Structure formats: structure tokens, C-alpha cells
């Protein structure tokens, strides 16, 4: 399964366009524009699985900086500041990674 099986390609493109400039990425806005904030828990878990590049069950900081590239290979890498802000917003237990069981923290509803 790919992200475009769950999310509209046009919504993904719009979300990526919105954050093209460095330090313009807002997780909440990206989730809204891409349609992720409207998806069911099972759909979000599948998105999480796809984004978890090493399939460890966690999205670590090193994976998170490539978040946009998981949606489109030519997308930019998140800046260090954007990555740390995103991680802090989604990592509520402070272990430095986002766990699959914490999908509710990841979806920004």
C-alpha cells in the first residue's frame, strides 16, 4: 500500500506546496491540507507504517527529517528546527521517537 492509496495525490501536492520554503512546515497545517487529520485511526496507523522507513515501530528524529520526502521523493528535508518542533509535538513520553501506539499524538486532530 502507498500513501496515495489513502490520501489524494492532489491534497498531498497542495500540502507540499504549502511548506516548500525552509522553516515554513507546520505539522498541524500539513495534516489538515493533506487530509490526514480526517482519516480513521486504522488509516493513520497504515500511514504511520509507511512513514516508518526502517519498520522499527517508531519514527525517530533521523526518519522524521525526511518526512516530506516520504510523500514525494523530490520534496525538501525538514530543517533541524522543524524536525525538533515536530518531534516535540508528537512525542509525549519524551523518548525521542514517535511510537505506533501513540498515533493519536501523530495525527494532530
PDB file of N, CA and C in Angstrom:
ATOM      1  N   UNK A   1       0.845  -1.178   0.000  1.00  0.00           N
ATOM      2  CA  UNK A   1       0.000   0.000   0.000  1.00  0.00           C
ATOM      3  C   UNK A   1       0.893   1.245   0.000  1.00  0.00           C
ATOM      4  N   UNK A   2       0.440   2.271  -0.687  1.00  0.00           N
ATOM      5  CA  UNK A   2       1.193   3.525  -0.726  1.00  0.00           C
ATOM      6  C   UNK A   2       0.353   4.647  -0.121  1.00  0.00           C
ATOM      7  N   UNK A   3       0.992   5.767   0.117  1.00  0.00           N
ATOM      8  CA  UNK A   3       0.280   6.912   0.691  1.00  0.00           C
ATOM      9  C   UNK A   3      -0.863   7.379  -0.200  1.00  0.00           C
ATOM     10  N   UNK A   4      -0.691   7.259  -1.518  1.00  0.00           N
ATOM     11  CA  UNK A   4      -1.750   7.712  -2.434  1.00  0.00           C
ATOM     12  C   UNK A   4      -2.930   6.748  -2.489  1.00  0.00           C
ATOM     13  N   UNK A   5      -2.809   5.593  -1.838  1.00  0.00           N
ATOM     14  CA  UNK A   5      -3.966   4.714  -1.674  1.00  0.00           C
ATOM     15  C   UNK A   5      -4.867   5.221  -0.547  1.00  0.00           C
ATOM     16  N   UNK A   6      -4.309   6.069   0.310  1.00  0.00           N
ATOM     17  CA  UNK A   6      -5.032   6.579   1.476  1.00  0.00           C
ATOM     18  C   UNK A   6      -5.350   8.063   1.326  1.00  0.00           C
ATOM     19  N   UNK A   7      -4.412   8.802   0.752  1.00  0.00           N
ATOM     20  CA  UNK A   7      -4.543  10.254   0.607  1.00  0.00           C
ATOM     21  C   UNK A   7      -4.622  10.633  -0.865  1.00  0.00           C
ATOM     22  N   UNK A   8      -5.329  11.683  -1.153  1.00  0.00           N
ATOM     23  CA  UNK A   8      -5.452  12.180  -2.520  1.00  0.00           C
ATOM     24  C   UNK A   8      -4.117  12.758  -2.995  1.00  0.00           C
ATOM     25  N   UNK A   9      -3.649  12.370  -4.172  1.00  0.00           N
ATOM     26  CA  UNK A   9      -2.415  12.951  -4.706  1.00  0.00           C
ATOM     27  C   UNK A   9      -2.479  14.481  -4.794  1.00  0.00           C
ATOM     28  N   UNK A  10      -3.635  15.029  -5.128  1.00  0.00           N
ATOM     29  CA  UNK A  10      -3.744  16.493  -5.221  1.00  0.00           C
ATOM     30  C   UNK A  10      -3.655  17.142  -3.842  1.00  0.00           C
ATOM     31  N   UNK A  11      -4.184  16.486  -2.805  1.00  0.00           N
ATOM     32  CA  UNK A  11      -4.066  17.018  -1.440  1.00  0.00           C
ATOM     33  C   UNK A  11      -2.619  16.945  -0.958  1.00  0.00           C
ATOM     34  N   UNK A  12      -1.938  15.850  -1.276  1.00  0.00           N
ATOM     35  CA  UNK A  12      -0.523  15.728  -0.924  1.00  0.00           C
ATOM     36  C   UNK A  12       0.275  16.837  -1.606  1.00  0.00           C
ATOM     37  N   UNK A  13       0.042  17.047  -2.895  1.00  0.00           N
ATOM     38  CA  UNK A  13       0.756  18.090  -3.645  1.00  0.00           C
ATOM     39  C   UNK A  13       0.499  19.465  -3.046  1.00  0.00           C
ATOM     40  N   UNK A  14      -0.742  19.741  -2.667  1.00  0.00           N
ATOM     41  CA  UNK A  14      -1.077  21.039  -2.066  1.00  0.00           C
ATOM     42  C   UNK A  14      -0.368  21.214  -0.727  1.00  0.00           C
ATOM     43  N   UNK A  15      -0.318  20.161   0.070  1.00  0.00           N
ATOM     44  CA  UNK A  15       0.352  20.234   1.370  1.00  0.00           C
ATOM     45  C   UNK A  15       1.850  20.468   1.197  1.00  0.00           C
ATOM     46  N   UNK A  16       2.451  19.815   0.216  1.00  0.00           N
ATOM     47  CA  UNK A  16       3.878  20.001  -0.044  1.00  0.00           C
ATOM     48  C   UNK A  16       4.176  21.402  -0.571  1.00  0.00           C
ATOM     49  N   UNK A  17       3.303  21.919  -1.422  1.00  0.00           N
ATOM     50  CA  UNK A  17       3.485  23.288  -1.938  1.00  0.00           C
ATOM     51  C   UNK A  17       3.439  24.304  -0.805  1.00  0.00           C
ATOM     52  N   UNK A  18       2.582  24.052   0.170  1.00  0.00           N
ATOM     53  CA  UNK A  18       2.398  24.986   1.275  1.00  0.00           C
ATOM     54  C   UNK A  18       3.649  25.131   2.143  1.00  0.00           C
ATOM     55  N   UNK A  19       4.515  24.137   2.125  1.00  0.00           N
ATOM     56  CA  UNK A  19       5.689  24.190   3.014  1.00  0.00           C
ATOM     57  C   UNK A  19       7.000  24.044   2.242  1.00  0.00           C
ATOM     58  N   UNK A  20       7.045  24.578   1.042  1.00  0.00           N
ATOM     59  CA  UNK A  20       8.256  24.484   0.220  1.00  0.00           C
ATOM     60  C   UNK A  20       9.436  25.254   0.812  1.00  0.00           C
ATOM     61  N   UNK A  21       9.169  26.399   1.398  1.00  0.00           N
ATOM     62  CA  UNK A  21      10.252  27.226   1.937  1.00  0.00           C
ATOM     63  C   UNK A  21      10.770  26.638   3.252  1.00  0.00           C
ATOM     64  N   UNK A  22      12.081  26.675   3.461  1.00  0.00           N
ATOM     65  CA  UNK A  22      12.629  26.207   4.734  1.00  0.00           C
ATOM     66  C   UNK A  22      11.975  26.939   5.910  1.00  0.00           C
ATOM     67  N   UNK A  23      11.747  26.210   6.971  1.00  0.00           N
ATOM     68  CA  UNK A  23      11.132  26.714   8.205  1.00  0.00           C
ATOM     69  C   UNK A  23       9.689  27.171   8.032  1.00  0.00           C
ATOM     70  N   UNK A  24       9.011  26.679   7.000  1.00  0.00           N
ATOM     71  CA  UNK A  24       7.593  27.004   6.800  1.00  0.00           C
ATOM     72  C   UNK A  24       6.674  25.827   7.137  1.00  0.00           C
ATOM     73  N   UNK A  25       7.259  24.682   7.524  1.00  0.00           N
ATOM     74  CA  UNK A  25       6.466  23.482   7.795  1.00  0.00           C
ATOM     75  C   UNK A  25       5.737  23.590   9.128  1.00  0.00           C
ATOM     76  N   UNK A  26       4.443  23.361   9.090  1.00  0.00           N
ATOM     77  CA  UNK A  26       3.605  23.274  10.287  1.00  0.00           C
ATOM     78  C   UNK A  26       2.941  21.901  10.257  1.00  0.00           C
ATOM     79  N   UNK A  27       3.256  21.028  11.221  1.00  0.00           N
ATOM     80  CA  UNK A  27       2.643  19.698  11.204  1.00  0.00           C
ATOM     81  C   UNK A  27       1.121  19.753  11.167  1.00  0.00           C
ATOM     82  N   UNK A  28       0.534  20.590  11.990  1.00  0.00           N
ATOM     83  CA  UNK A  28      -0.930  20.677  12.045  1.00  0.00           C
ATOM     84  C   UNK A  28      -1.504  21.081  10.687  1.00  0.00           C
ATOM     85  N   UNK A  29      -0.906  22.088  10.067  1.00  0.00           N
ATOM     86  CA  UNK A  29      -1.392  22.556   8.767  1.00  0.00           C
ATOM     87  C   UNK A  29      -1.173  21.492   7.692  1.00  0.00           C
ATOM     88  N   UNK A  30      -0.025  20.821   7.728  1.00  0.00           N
ATOM     89  CA  UNK A  30       0.253  19.766   6.752  1.00  0.00           C
ATOM     90  C   UNK A  30      -0.781  18.649   6.869  1.00  0.00           C
ATOM     91  N   UNK A  31      -1.078  18.243   8.091  1.00  0.00           N
ATOM     92  CA  UNK A  31      -2.060  17.181   8.306  1.00  0.00           C
ATOM     93  C   UNK A  31      -3.434  17.604   7.807  1.00  0.00           C
ATOM     94  N   UNK A  32      -3.783  18.873   7.999  1.00  0.00           N
ATOM     95  CA  UNK A  32      -5.080  19.366   7.529  1.00  0.00           C
ATOM     96  C   UNK A  32      -5.136  19.400   6.004  1.00  0.00           C
ATOM     97  N   UNK A  33      -4.147  20.011   5.367  1.00  0.00           N
ATOM     98  CA  UNK A  33      -4.160  20.167   3.910  1.00  0.00           C
ATOM     99  C   UNK A  33      -4.072  18.810   3.204  1.00  0.00           C
ATOM    100  N   UNK A  34      -3.246  17.916   3.724  1.00  0.00           N
ATOM    101  CA  UNK A  34      -3.072  16.602   3.088  1.00  0.00           C
ATOM    102  C   UNK A  34      -4.277  15.684   3.295  1.00  0.00           C
ATOM    103  N   UNK A  35      -5.129  16.029   4.238  1.00  0.00           N
ATOM    104  CA  UNK A  35      -6.292  15.199   4.539  1.00  0.00           C
ATOM    105  C   UNK A  35      -6.045  14.175   5.631  1.00  0.00           C
ATOM    106  N   UNK A  36      -4.839  14.143   6.181  1.00  0.00           N
ATOM    107  CA  UNK A  36      -4.520  13.170   7.222  1.00  0.00           C
ATOM    108  C   UNK A  36      -5.366  13.371   8.472  1.00  0.00           C
ATOM    109  N   UNK A  37      -5.706  14.607   8.782  1.00  0.00           N
ATOM    110  CA  UNK A  37      -6.467  14.878  10.004  1.00  0.00           C
ATOM    111  C   UNK A  37      -7.893  14.340   9.940  1.00  0.00           C
ATOM    112  N   UNK A  38      -8.352  13.962   8.749  1.00  0.00           N
ATOM    113  CA  UNK A  38      -9.711  13.433   8.578  1.00  0.00           C
ATOM    114  C   UNK A  38      -9.748  11.909   8.486  1.00  0.00           C
ATOM    115  N   UNK A  39      -8.607  11.276   8.589  1.00  0.00           N
ATOM    116  CA  UNK A  39      -8.541   9.824   8.401  1.00  0.00           C
ATOM    117  C   UNK A  39      -8.853   9.073   9.697  1.00  0.00           C
ATOM    118  N   UNK A  40      -9.322   7.851   9.541  1.00  0.00           N
ATOM    119  CA  UNK A  40      -9.636   6.995  10.688  1.00  0.00           C
ATOM    120  C   UNK A  40      -8.343   6.542  11.365  1.00  0.00           C
ATOM    121  N   UNK A  41      -8.478   6.033  12.576  1.00  0.00           N
ATOM    122  CA  UNK A  41      -7.305   5.529  13.294  1.00  0.00           C
ATOM    123  C   UNK A  41      -6.600   4.421  12.520  1.00  0.00           C
ATOM    124  N   UNK A  42      -7.354   3.532  11.888  1.00  0.00           N
ATOM    125  CA  UNK A  42      -6.715   2.445  11.131  1.00  0.00           C
ATOM    126  C   UNK A  42      -5.974   2.987   9.907  1.00  0.00           C
ATOM    127  N   UNK A  43      -6.535   3.997   9.257  1.00  0.00           N
ATOM    128  CA  UNK A  43      -5.843   4.607   8.116  1.00  0.00           C
ATOM    129  C   UNK A  43      -4.583   5.328   8.580  1.00  0.00           C
ATOM    130  N   UNK A  44      -4.652   5.994   9.720  1.00  0.00           N
ATOM    131  CA  UNK A  44      -3.480   6.684  10.252  1.00  0.00           C
ATOM    132  C   UNK A  44      -2.392   5.699  10.660  1.00  0.00           C
ATOM    133  N   UNK A  45      -2.782   4.562  11.185  1.00  0.00           N
ATOM    134  CA  UNK A  45      -1.785   3.542  11.528  1.00  0.00           C
ATOM    135  C   UNK A  45      -1.086   3.028  10.269  1.00  0.00           C
ATOM    136  N   UNK A  46      -1.822   2.904   9.188  1.00  0.00           N
ATOM    137  CA  UNK A  46      -1.213   2.480   7.926  1.00  0.00           C
ATOM    138  C   UNK A  46      -0.266   3.567   7.403  1.00  0.00           C
ATOM    139  N   UNK A  47      -0.674   4.829   7.502  1.00  0.00           N
ATOM    140  CA  UNK A  47       0.206   5.936   7.111  1.00  0.00           C
ATOM    141  C   UNK A  47       1.473   5.896   7.957  1.00  0.00           C
ATOM    142  N   UNK A  48       1.313   5.703   9.268  1.00  0.00           N
ATOM    143  CA  UNK A  48       2.458   5.614  10.171  1.00  0.00           C
ATOM    144  C   UNK A  48       3.401   4.496   9.727  1.00  0.00           C
ATOM    145  N   UNK A  49       2.841   3.328   9.404  1.00  0.00           N
ATOM    146  CA  UNK A  49       3.653   2.190   8.970  1.00  0.00           C
ATOM    147  C   UNK A  49       4.461   2.540   7.722  1.00  0.00           C
ATOM    148  N   UNK A  50       3.840   3.256   6.797  1.00  0.00           N
ATOM    149  CA  UNK A  50       4.523   3.663   5.565  1.00  0.00           C
ATOM    150  C   UNK A  50       5.633   4.672   5.874  1.00  0.00           C
ATOM    151  N   UNK A  51       5.367   5.594   6.785  1.00  0.00           N
ATOM    152  CA  UNK A  51       6.345   6.624   7.133  1.00  0.00           C
ATOM    153  C   UNK A  51       7.497   6.083   7.976  1.00  0.00           C
ATOM    154  N   UNK A  52       7.272   4.982   8.677  1.00  0.00           N
ATOM    155  CA  UNK A  52       8.298   4.341   9.499  1.00  0.00           C
ATOM    156  C   UNK A  52       9.252   3.594   8.566  1.00  0.00           C
ATOM    157  N   UNK A  53      10.185   4.316   8.023  1.00  0.00           N
ATOM    158  CA  UNK A  53      11.053   3.818   6.955  1.00  0.00           C
ATOM    159  C   UNK A  53      11.791   2.534   7.315  1.00  0.00           C
ATOM    160  N   UNK A  54      12.287   2.432   8.548  1.00  0.00           N
ATOM    161  CA  UNK A  54      13.038   1.231   8.928  1.00  0.00           C
ATOM    162  C   UNK A  54      12.158   0.159   9.569  1.00  0.00           C
ATOM    163  N   UNK A  55      10.847   0.415   9.620  1.00  0.00           N
ATOM    164  CA  UNK A  55       9.866  -0.535  10.164  1.00  0.00           C
ATOM    165  C   UNK A  55      10.204  -0.975  11.590  1.00  0.00           C
ATOM    166  N   UNK A  56      10.721  -0.042  12.387  1.00  0.00           N
ATOM    167  CA  UNK A  56      11.079  -0.335  13.776  1.00  0.00           C
ATOM    168  C   UNK A  56       9.890  -0.213  14.725  1.00  0.00           C
ATOM    169  N   UNK A  57       8.788   0.334  14.228  1.00  0.00           N
ATOM    170  CA  UNK A  57       7.645   0.602  15.098  1.00  0.00           C
ATOM    171  C   UNK A  57       7.701   1.991  15.693  1.00  0.00           C
ATOM    172  N   UNK A  58       8.732   2.735  15.333  1.00  0.00           N
ATOM    173  CA  UNK A  58       8.918   4.106  15.806  1.00  0.00           C
ATOM    174  C   UNK A  58       9.375   4.978  14.647  1.00  0.00           C
ATOM    175  N   UNK A  59       9.067   6.250  14.748  1.00  0.00           N
ATOM    176  CA  UNK A  59       9.638   7.224  13.821  1.00  0.00           C
ATOM    177  C   UNK A  59      10.597   8.063  14.648  1.00  0.00           C
ATOM    178  N   UNK A  60      11.875   7.880  14.380  1.00  0.00           N
ATOM    179  CA  UNK A  60      12.921   8.579  15.097  1.00  0.00           C
ATOM    180  C   UNK A  60      13.237   9.903  14.403  1.00  0.00           C
ATOM    181  N   UNK A  61      14.002  10.738  15.089  1.00  0.00           N
ATOM    182  CA  UNK A  61      14.345  12.059  14.560  1.00  0.00           C
ATOM    183  C   UNK A  61      14.998  11.969  13.183  1.00  0.00           C
ATOM    184  N   UNK A  62      15.885  10.997  12.989  1.00  0.00           N
ATOM    185  CA  UNK A  62      16.556  10.852  11.688  1.00  0.00           C
ATOM    186  C   UNK A  62      15.567  10.547  10.568  1.00  0.00           C
ATOM    187  N   UNK A  63      14.518   9.778  10.863  1.00  0.00           N
ATOM    188  CA  UNK A  63      13.482   9.493   9.862  1.00  0.00           C
ATOM    189  C   UNK A  63      12.573  10.699   9.668  1.00  0.00           C
ATOM    190  N   UNK A  64      12.294  11.392  10.761  1.00  0.00           N
ATOM    191  CA  UNK A  64      11.337  12.491  10.720  1.00  0.00           C
ATOM    192  C   UNK A  64      11.809  13.635   9.825  1.00  0.00           C
ATOM    193  N   UNK A  65      13.108  13.871   9.774  1.00  0.00           N
ATOM    194  CA  UNK A  65      13.591  14.973   8.933  1.00  0.00           C
ATOM    195  C   UNK A  65      13.310  14.725   7.450  1.00  0.00           C
ATOM    196  N   UNK A  66      13.103  13.462   7.080  1.00  0.00           N
ATOM    197  CA  UNK A  66      12.772  13.114   5.694  1.00  0.00           C
ATOM    198  C   UNK A  66      11.269  12.921   5.492  1.00  0.00           C
ATOM    199  N   UNK A  67      10.472  13.384   6.438  1.00  0.00           N
ATOM    200  CA  UNK A  67       9.014  13.231   6.423  1.00  0.00           C
ATOM    201  C   UNK A  67       8.401  13.637   5.088  1.00  0.00           C
ATOM    202  N   UNK A  68       8.743  14.825   4.580  1.00  0.00           N
ATOM    203  CA  UNK A  68       8.147  15.316   3.332  1.00  0.00           C
ATOM    204  C   UNK A  68       8.545  14.445   2.145  1.00  0.00           C
ATOM    205  N   UNK A  69       9.756  13.913   2.175  1.00  0.00           N
ATOM    206  CA  UNK A  69      10.225  13.069   1.077  1.00  0.00           C
ATOM    207  C   UNK A  69       9.509  11.727   1.025  1.00  0.00           C
ATOM    208  N   UNK A  70       8.875  11.326   2.096  1.00  0.00           N
ATOM    209  CA  UNK A  70       8.082  10.095   2.078  1.00  0.00           C
ATOM    210  C   UNK A  70       6.806  10.300   1.262  1.00  0.00           C
ATOM    211  N   UNK A  71       6.399  11.566   1.105  1.00  0.00           N
ATOM    212  CA  UNK A  71       5.221  11.893   0.308  1.00  0.00           C
ATOM    213  C   UNK A  71       5.585  12.128  -1.149  1.00  0.00           C
ATOM    214  N   UNK A  72       6.774  12.686  -1.382  1.00  0.00           N
ATOM    215  CA  UNK A  72       7.279  12.933  -2.745  1.00  0.00           C
ATOM    216  C   UNK A  72       8.795  12.957  -2.673  1.00  0.00           C
ATOM    217  N   UNK A  73       9.442  12.103  -3.450  1.00  0.00           N
ATOM    218  CA  UNK A  73      10.897  11.955  -3.330  1.00  0.00           C
ATOM    219  C   UNK A  73      11.663  13.249  -3.579  1.00  0.00           C
ATOM    220  N   UNK A  74      11.127  14.167  -4.353  1.00  0.00           N
ATOM    221  CA  UNK A  74      11.821  15.417  -4.622  1.00  0.00           C
ATOM    222  C   UNK A  74      11.563  16.518  -3.610  1.00  0.00           C
ATOM    223  N   UNK A  75      10.774  16.223  -2.588  1.00  0.00           N
ATOM    224  CA  UNK A  75      10.462  17.237  -1.570  1.00  0.00           C
ATOM    225  C   UNK A  75      11.702  17.535  -0.733  1.00  0.00           C
ATOM    226  N   UNK A  76      11.670  18.657  -0.069  1.00  0.00           N
ATOM    227  CA  UNK A  76      12.822  19.071   0.732  1.00  0.00           C
ATOM    228  C   UNK A  76      12.888  18.297   2.055  1.00  0.00           C
ATOM    229  N   UNK A  77      14.040  18.351   2.679  1.00  0.00           N
ATOM    230  CA  UNK A  77      14.251  17.788   4.006  1.00  0.00           C
ATOM    231  C   UNK A  77      13.813  18.844   5.017  1.00  0.00           C
ATOM    232  N   UNK A  78      13.196  18.412   6.111  1.00  0.00           N
ATOM    233  CA  UNK A  78      12.835  19.364   7.161  1.00  0.00           C
ATOM    234  C   UNK A  78      14.104  19.931   7.788  1.00  0.00           C
ATOM    235  N   UNK A  79      14.050  21.192   8.176  1.00  0.00           N
ATOM    236  CA  UNK A  79      15.187  21.796   8.868  1.00  0.00           C
ATOM    237  C   UNK A  79      15.301  21.170  10.260  1.00  0.00           C
ATOM    238  N   UNK A  80      16.435  21.373  10.893  1.00  0.00           N
ATOM    239  CA  UNK A  80      16.633  20.862  12.250  1.00  0.00           C
ATOM    240  C   UNK A  80      15.573  21.420  13.187  1.00  0.00           C
ATOM    241  N   UNK A  81      15.286  22.692  13.058  1.00  0.00           N
ATOM    242  CA  UNK A  81      14.273  23.334  13.898  1.00  0.00           C
ATOM    243  C   UNK A  81      12.889  22.728  13.664  1.00  0.00           C
ATOM    244  N   UNK A  82      12.513  22.550  12.411  1.00  0.00           N
ATOM    245  CA  UNK A  82      11.213  21.956  12.084  1.00  0.00           C
ATOM    246  C   UNK A  82      11.113  20.528  12.618  1.00  0.00           C
ATOM    247  N   UNK A  83      12.189  19.771  12.465  1.00  0.00           N
ATOM    248  CA  UNK A  83      12.205  18.382  12.918  1.00  0.00           C
ATOM    249  C   UNK A  83      12.031  18.308  14.427  1.00  0.00           C
ATOM    250  N   UNK A  84      12.767  19.134  15.151  1.00  0.00           N
ATOM    251  CA  UNK A  84      12.684  19.123  16.615  1.00  0.00           C
ATOM    252  C   UNK A  84      11.313  19.587  17.102  1.00  0.00           C
ATOM    253  N   UNK A  85      10.737  20.585  16.448  1.00  0.00           N
ATOM    254  CA  UNK A  85       9.405  21.064  16.813  1.00  0.00           C
ATOM    255  C   UNK A  85       8.359  19.985  16.561  1.00  0.00           C
ATOM    256  N   UNK A  86       8.438  19.335  15.418  1.00  0.00           N
ATOM    257  CA  UNK A  86       7.516  18.257  15.054  1.00  0.00           C
ATOM    258  C   UNK A  86       7.630  17.114  16.067  1.00  0.00           C
ATOM    259  N   UNK A  87       8.851  16.706  16.369  1.00  0.00           N
ATOM    260  CA  UNK A  87       9.073  15.618  17.314  1.00  0.00           C
ATOM    261  C   UNK A  87       8.530  15.971  18.694  1.00  0.00           C
ATOM    262  N   UNK A  88       8.807  17.181  19.156  1.00  0.00           N
ATOM    263  CA  UNK A  88       8.323  17.601  20.476  1.00  0.00           C
ATOM    264  C   UNK A  88       6.801  17.589  20.547  1.00  0.00           C
ATOM    265  N   UNK A  89       6.145  17.941  19.456  1.00  0.00           N
ATOM    266  CA  UNK A  89       4.683  17.975  19.433  1.00  0.00           C
ATOM    267  C   UNK A  89       4.073  16.578  19.430  1.00  0.00           C
ATOM    268  N   UNK A  90       4.758  15.609  18.856  1.00  0.00           N
ATOM    269  CA  UNK A  90       4.191  14.267  18.701  1.00  0.00           C
ATOM    270  C   UNK A  90       4.734  13.245  19.697  1.00  0.00           C
ATOM    271  N   UNK A  91       5.840  13.546  20.353  1.00  0.00           N
ATOM    272  CA  UNK A  91       6.485  12.613  21.285  1.00  0.00           C
ATOM    273  C   UNK A  91       6.128  13.004  22.712  1.00  0.00           C
ATOM    274  N   UNK A  92       4.997  12.522  23.187  1.00  0.00           N
ATOM    275  CA  UNK A  92       4.526  12.941  24.504  1.00  0.00           C
ATOM    276  C   UNK A  92       5.173  12.196  25.666  1.00  0.00           C
ATOM    277  N   UNK A  93       5.896  11.105  25.411  1.00  0.00           N
ATOM    278  CA  UNK A  93       6.573  10.436  26.521  1.00  0.00           C
ATOM    279  C   UNK A  93       8.044  10.831  26.609  1.00  0.00           C
ATOM    280  N   UNK A  94       8.499  11.675  25.677  1.00  0.00           N
ATOM    281  CA  UNK A  94       9.839  12.240  25.743  1.00  0.00           C
ATOM    282  C   UNK A  94      10.972  11.267  25.475  1.00  0.00           C
ATOM    283  N   UNK A  95      10.699  10.164  24.768  1.00  0.00           N
ATOM    284  CA  UNK A  95      11.764   9.199  24.497  1.00  0.00           C
ATOM    285  C   UNK A  95      12.528   9.486  23.204  1.00  0.00           C
ATOM    286  N   UNK A  96      12.189  10.589  22.540  1.00  0.00           N
ATOM    287  CA  UNK A  96      12.911  10.978  21.336  1.00  0.00           C
ATOM    288  C   UNK A  96      12.442  10.302  20.071  1.00  0.00           C
ATOM    289  N   UNK A  97      11.288   9.648  20.144  1.00  0.00           N
ATOM    290  CA  UNK A  97      10.736   8.991  18.964  1.00  0.00           C
ATOM    291  C   UNK A  97       9.223   8.936  19.090  1.00  0.00           C
ATOM    292  N   UNK A  98       8.578   8.737  17.955  1.00  0.00           N
ATOM    293  CA  UNK A  98       7.120   8.646  17.914  1.00  0.00           C
ATOM    294  C   UNK A  98       6.773   7.174  17.751  1.00  0.00           C
ATOM    295  N   UNK A  99       6.021   6.640  18.696  1.00  0.00           N
ATOM    296  CA  UNK A  99       5.641   5.232  18.645  1.00  0.00           C
ATOM    297  C   UNK A  99       4.336   5.015  17.912  1.00  0.00           C
ATOM    298  N   UNK A 100       4.198   3.840  17.327  1.00  0.00           N
ATOM    299  CA  UNK A 100       2.976   3.499  16.598  1.00  0.00           C
ATOM    300  C   UNK A 100       1.764   3.540  17.510  1.00  0.00           C
ATOM    301  N   UNK A 101       1.955   3.177  18.781  1.00  0.00           N
ATOM    302  CA  UNK A 101       0.833   3.207  19.714  1.00  0.00           C
ATOM    303  C   UNK A 101       0.400   4.635  20.041  1.00  0.00           C
ATOM    304  N   UNK A 102       1.231   5.593  19.754  1.00  0.00           N
ATOM    305  CA  UNK A 102       0.909   6.991  20.014  1.00  0.00           C
ATOM    306  C   UNK A 102       0.379   7.703  18.782  1.00  0.00           C
ATOM    307  N   UNK A 103      -0.304   6.981  17.928  1.00  0.00           N
ATOM    308  CA  UNK A 103      -0.779   7.548  16.663  1.00  0.00           C
ATOM    309  C   UNK A 103      -1.677   8.761  16.885  1.00  0.00           C
ATOM    310  N   UNK A 104      -2.399   8.781  17.990  1.00  0.00           N
ATOM    311  CA  UNK A 104      -3.257   9.937  18.261  1.00  0.00           C
ATOM    312  C   UNK A 104      -2.431  11.204  18.438  1.00  0.00           C
ATOM    313  N   UNK A 105      -1.196  11.069  18.939  1.00  0.00           N
ATOM    314  CA  UNK A 105      -0.307  12.224  19.061  1.00  0.00           C
ATOM    315  C   UNK A 105       0.197  12.666  17.694  1.00  0.00           C
ATOM    316  N   UNK A 106       0.216  11.734  16.762  1.00  0.00           N
ATOM    317  CA  UNK A 106       0.796  11.962  15.451  1.00  0.00           C
ATOM    318  C   UNK A 106      -0.188  12.570  14.465  1.00  0.00           C
ATOM    319  N   UNK A 107      -1.467  12.437  14.717  1.00  0.00           N
ATOM    320  CA  UNK A 107      -2.450  12.851  13.719  1.00  0.00           C
ATOM    321  C   UNK A 107      -2.909  14.301  13.827  1.00  0.00           C
ATOM    322  N   UNK A 108      -2.641  14.977  14.910  1.00  0.00           N
ATOM    323  CA  UNK A 108      -2.969  16.400  15.051  1.00  0.00           C
ATOM    324  C   UNK A 108      -4.425  16.708  14.746  1.00  0.00           C
ATOM    325  N   UNK A 109      -5.327  15.993  15.353  1.00  0.00           N
ATOM    326  CA  UNK A 109      -6.752  16.252  15.139  1.00  0.00           C
ATOM    327  C   UNK A 109      -7.200  17.424  15.948  1.00  0.00           C
TER     328      UNK A 109
END
